[in-house]
Amino acid sequence: MNNSKGEIYRRFVKRAMDFFFSVILIVVISPILFLVAIAIKLDSKGPIFFRQERIGQNAKVFKVYKFRTMISGADKIGSGIFTDSTDPRITRVGKFLRKASIDELPQILNVIKGEMSFIGPRPVPIGHLQKYNVGDEKRIMLKPGITGWAQVNGRNKLTWPEKIEKDIWYANNLSLILDIRIVLKTIKSILFREGIYSGRYANIVKKNNSIDKGEVKSK
């Protein structure tokens, strides 16, 4: 952090606010969580929640919670590239949950436990740790968030270096006012479904299909 006020806010005020609002929020939306859980169980076999190890503050590993949006055992089905908006492993309910960002709601439990914050860099899989370069440590110093500066400024359309750049900017400029801005931008992103799908995988598949067709014609 490059300012003392931002450091005071991060260390003392931010955690208190996270805990206070997460407890209230989980009580208020508990009926929605209950209905979503029923919908997931009726739609496909498997657990209600999806848990995966992610990198937390100071590179500490923790398990992030999400509503399951794919069929059970999706990680073992094929090794090809699916277009990110039409992945056949995503369930019918899962498509809706992803579009509305409802699949992220169980992470409120991570916030209550102190593993995450409402606002911060998105938690990434353990394998991403090797992608960090010297100077990227500021991202790891922060608690990962349900939403963040990168999330409201491109989300999945951003490349990894672009996400790192925006997360470090957030770390250097962290403040209550900035967090309020991110909350408002998050609401706008959810309402207009901005940046949910990157389109990068779709372009790769389209390119590969074009190559395959060209090979067939040449024969």
Protein backbone atom coordinates (compact mmCIF):
# COMPACT_ATOMS: atom_id res chain seq x y z
CA MET A 1 0.00 0.00 0.00
CA ASN A 2 1.30 3.47 -0.78
CA ASN A 3 -0.73 5.39 1.82
CA SER A 4 -1.23 5.03 5.55
CA LYS A 5 -4.98 5.61 5.37
CA GLY A 6 -5.34 2.73 2.92
CA GLU A 7 -3.33 0.46 5.21
CA ILE A 8 -5.45 1.36 8.25
CA TYR A 9 -8.61 0.73 6.26
CA ARG A 10 -7.32 -2.63 4.98
CA ARG A 11 -6.12 -3.94 8.33
CA PHE A 12 -8.92 -2.82 10.63
CA VAL A 13 -12.03 -1.35 8.98
CA LYS A 14 -12.31 -3.61 5.94
CA ARG A 15 -12.39 -6.88 7.91
CA ALA A 16 -14.98 -5.53 10.36
CA MET A 17 -17.20 -4.42 7.49
CA ASP A 18 -16.73 -7.74 5.68
CA PHE A 19 -17.86 -9.74 8.70
CA PHE A 20 -20.77 -7.44 9.58
CA PHE A 21 -22.26 -7.29 6.09
CA SER A 22 -21.61 -10.97 5.26
CA VAL A 23 -23.54 -12.14 8.33
CA ILE A 24 -26.45 -9.84 7.52
CA LEU A 25 -26.40 -10.75 3.83
CA ILE A 26 -26.38 -14.51 4.36
CA VAL A 27 -29.43 -14.20 6.63
CA VAL A 28 -31.30 -11.99 4.15
CA ILE A 29 -30.61 -14.17 1.10
CA SER A 30 -30.95 -17.53 2.87
CA PRO A 31 -34.30 -18.23 1.14
CA ILE A 32 -32.62 -17.70 -2.26
CA LEU A 33 -29.73 -19.98 -1.30
CA PHE A 34 -32.23 -22.66 -0.25
CA LEU A 35 -34.16 -22.44 -3.54
CA VAL A 36 -30.94 -22.57 -5.58
CA ALA A 37 -29.80 -25.66 -3.66
CA ILE A 38 -33.08 -27.42 -4.47
CA ALA A 39 -32.84 -26.44 -8.15
CA ILE A 40 -29.31 -27.84 -8.41
CA LYS A 41 -30.31 -31.17 -6.85
CA LEU A 42 -33.37 -31.51 -9.10
CA ASP A 43 -31.45 -30.57 -12.25
CA SER A 44 -28.54 -33.03 -12.02
CA LYS A 45 -26.85 -35.61 -9.81
CA GLY A 46 -24.01 -34.47 -7.61
CA PRO A 47 -23.25 -32.19 -4.66
CA ILE A 48 -24.81 -28.76 -4.24
CA PHE A 49 -21.49 -27.03 -3.70
CA PHE A 50 -18.27 -27.06 -5.68
CA ARG A 51 -15.11 -26.70 -3.60
CA GLN A 52 -11.67 -26.07 -5.00
CA GLU A 53 -8.30 -25.11 -3.52
CA ARG A 54 -7.29 -21.55 -4.33
CA ILE A 55 -4.45 -19.20 -3.44
CA GLY A 56 -5.37 -16.86 -0.58
CA GLN A 57 -3.70 -14.01 1.27
CA ASN A 58 0.09 -14.39 1.53
CA ALA A 59 -0.14 -17.46 -0.75
CA LYS A 60 -2.03 -19.46 1.89
CA VAL A 61 -4.17 -22.18 0.31
CA PHE A 62 -7.87 -22.37 1.15
CA LYS A 63 -10.99 -24.00 -0.30
CA VAL A 64 -13.35 -21.65 -2.11
CA TYR A 65 -17.08 -22.40 -2.15
CA LYS A 66 -19.35 -22.09 -5.19
CA PHE A 67 -22.68 -23.51 -6.26
CA ARG A 68 -22.04 -26.42 -8.62
CA THR A 69 -22.76 -25.38 -12.20
CA MET A 70 -21.35 -28.40 -14.06
CA ILE A 71 -22.28 -32.06 -14.16
CA SER A 72 -20.58 -34.22 -11.56
CA GLY A 73 -17.10 -35.31 -12.65
CA ALA A 74 -16.87 -32.61 -15.34
CA ASP A 75 -13.12 -32.30 -14.83
CA LYS A 76 -12.69 -35.91 -16.00
CA ILE A 77 -14.70 -35.56 -19.20
CA GLY A 78 -12.52 -35.07 -22.26
CA SER A 79 -9.48 -32.89 -22.70
CA GLY A 80 -10.61 -30.83 -25.70
CA ILE A 81 -11.32 -27.12 -25.75
CA PHE A 82 -14.94 -26.10 -25.29
CA THR A 83 -16.29 -22.69 -26.21
CA ASP A 84 -16.71 -20.94 -22.88
CA SER A 85 -20.33 -19.92 -23.57
CA THR A 86 -21.52 -23.34 -24.79
CA ASP A 87 -19.59 -25.80 -22.62
CA PRO A 88 -21.70 -29.02 -22.71
CA ARG A 89 -20.65 -29.83 -19.15
CA ILE A 90 -22.57 -26.86 -17.76
CA THR A 91 -26.02 -27.82 -16.47
CA ARG A 92 -29.23 -25.98 -17.35
CA VAL A 93 -29.42 -24.45 -13.89
CA GLY A 94 -25.69 -23.81 -14.00
CA LYS A 95 -26.01 -21.60 -17.09
CA PHE A 96 -28.50 -19.38 -15.30
CA LEU A 97 -26.42 -19.27 -12.12
CA ARG A 98 -23.33 -18.20 -14.06
CA LYS A 99 -25.12 -15.53 -16.08
CA ALA A 100 -26.59 -14.04 -12.90
CA SER A 101 -23.33 -14.59 -10.94
CA ILE A 102 -25.38 -16.45 -8.32
CA ASP A 103 -22.88 -19.33 -8.33
CA GLU A 104 -20.47 -17.03 -6.42
CA LEU A 105 -22.81 -16.43 -3.46
CA PRO A 106 -21.51 -19.31 -1.27
CA GLN A 107 -18.22 -17.43 -1.08
CA ILE A 108 -19.91 -15.32 1.58
CA LEU A 109 -19.02 -18.26 3.85
CA ASN A 110 -15.36 -17.71 2.92
CA VAL A 111 -15.77 -14.05 3.87
CA ILE A 112 -17.24 -14.94 7.26
CA LYS A 113 -14.33 -17.33 7.87
CA GLY A 114 -11.88 -14.54 7.09
CA GLU A 115 -10.42 -16.31 4.03
CA MET A 116 -11.85 -13.78 1.59
CA SER A 117 -13.10 -10.22 1.42
CA PHE A 118 -16.08 -8.87 -0.48
CA ILE A 119 -13.65 -6.86 -2.60
CA GLY A 120 -10.18 -7.90 -3.70
CA PRO A 121 -8.32 -9.83 -6.43
CA ARG A 122 -10.16 -12.96 -7.52
CA PRO A 123 -8.78 -16.16 -5.92
CA VAL A 124 -6.91 -18.20 -8.50
CA PRO A 125 -6.09 -21.93 -8.72
CA ILE A 126 -2.83 -23.10 -7.15
CA GLY A 127 -1.26 -23.64 -10.57
CA HIS A 128 -1.35 -19.89 -11.21
CA LEU A 129 1.21 -19.26 -8.48
CA GLN A 130 4.03 -20.05 -10.92
CA LYS A 131 2.77 -17.28 -13.20
CA TYR A 132 3.61 -14.58 -10.68
CA ASN A 133 6.61 -12.40 -11.44
CA VAL A 134 8.75 -10.22 -9.20
CA GLY A 135 6.61 -7.22 -8.28
CA ASP A 136 3.34 -9.15 -8.34
CA GLU A 137 3.52 -9.91 -4.60
CA LYS A 138 1.18 -7.02 -3.75
CA ARG A 139 -1.66 -9.05 -5.25
CA ILE A 140 -0.94 -11.97 -2.93
CA MET A 141 -0.70 -9.67 0.11
CA LEU A 142 -4.42 -8.90 -0.19
CA LYS A 143 -7.30 -11.18 0.71
CA PRO A 144 -8.97 -12.44 -2.46
CA GLY A 145 -12.43 -11.01 -3.12
CA ILE A 146 -15.81 -12.02 -4.47
CA THR A 147 -15.52 -9.04 -6.79
CA GLY A 148 -12.69 -6.64 -7.51
CA TRP A 149 -11.22 -3.89 -9.69
CA ALA A 150 -10.30 -6.35 -12.46
CA GLN A 151 -13.75 -7.92 -12.27
CA VAL A 152 -15.50 -4.64 -13.00
CA ASN A 153 -12.99 -3.55 -15.64
CA GLY A 154 -13.04 -6.40 -18.12
CA ARG A 155 -13.53 -9.54 -16.01
CA ASN A 156 -12.92 -12.63 -18.16
CA LYS A 157 -12.09 -10.53 -21.21
CA LEU A 158 -8.80 -9.54 -19.58
CA THR A 159 -5.58 -11.47 -20.08
CA TRP A 160 -3.64 -12.67 -17.03
CA PRO A 161 -1.09 -9.79 -17.18
CA GLU A 162 -3.95 -7.28 -17.50
CA LYS A 163 -5.67 -8.72 -14.42
CA ILE A 164 -2.42 -8.56 -12.46
CA GLU A 165 -1.92 -4.94 -13.49
CA LYS A 166 -5.39 -3.91 -12.35
CA ASP A 167 -5.12 -5.86 -9.08
CA ILE A 168 -1.82 -4.19 -8.23
CA TRP A 169 -3.34 -0.80 -9.03
CA TYR A 170 -6.15 -1.64 -6.61
CA ALA A 171 -3.61 -2.62 -3.93
CA ASN A 172 -1.84 0.71 -4.33
CA ASN A 173 -5.04 2.75 -4.23
CA LEU A 174 -7.18 0.75 -1.79
CA SER A 175 -9.71 2.88 0.09
CA LEU A 176 -13.31 2.88 1.26
CA ILE A 177 -14.32 5.17 -1.60
CA LEU A 178 -12.73 2.84 -4.16
CA ASP A 179 -14.48 -0.18 -2.66
CA ILE A 180 -17.83 1.64 -2.88
CA ARG A 181 -17.13 2.37 -6.54
CA ILE A 182 -16.39 -1.31 -7.16
CA VAL A 183 -19.64 -2.37 -5.46
CA LEU A 184 -21.65 -0.02 -7.70
CA LYS A 185 -19.80 -1.16 -10.83
CA THR A 186 -20.32 -4.79 -9.82
CA ILE A 187 -24.08 -4.27 -9.66
CA LYS A 188 -23.95 -2.72 -13.14
CA SER A 189 -21.82 -5.60 -14.49
CA ILE A 190 -24.25 -8.20 -13.14
CA LEU A 191 -27.32 -6.40 -14.49
CA PHE A 192 -25.80 -6.04 -17.98
CA ARG A 193 -23.85 -9.34 -17.85
CA GLU A 194 -20.60 -7.65 -18.79
CA GLY A 195 -17.46 -9.73 -19.37
CA ILE A 196 -18.94 -13.08 -18.24
CA TYR A 197 -17.50 -14.89 -21.26
CA SER A 198 -14.20 -13.92 -22.80
CA GLY A 199 -14.79 -15.31 -26.27
CA ARG A 200 -11.12 -16.35 -26.52
CA TYR A 201 -11.85 -20.09 -26.46
CA ALA A 202 -14.59 -19.64 -29.05
CA ASN A 203 -12.09 -18.02 -31.42
CA ILE A 204 -9.61 -20.87 -30.88
CA VAL A 205 -12.25 -23.50 -31.64
CA LYS A 206 -13.43 -21.57 -34.69
CA LYS A 207 -9.85 -21.34 -35.97
CA ASN A 208 -9.23 -25.06 -35.39
CA ASN A 209 -12.45 -25.97 -37.19
CA SER A 210 -11.42 -23.83 -40.16
CA ILE A 211 -8.05 -25.60 -40.32
CA ASP A 212 -9.72 -29.03 -40.16
CA LYS A 213 -12.07 -28.12 -43.03
CA GLY A 214 -9.14 -26.85 -45.09
CA GLU A 215 -7.29 -30.11 -44.59
CA VAL A 216 -10.29 -32.13 -45.69
CA LYS A 217 -10.67 -30.08 -48.88
CA SER A 218 -6.99 -30.41 -49.70
CA LYS A 219 -7.30 -34.18 -49.61
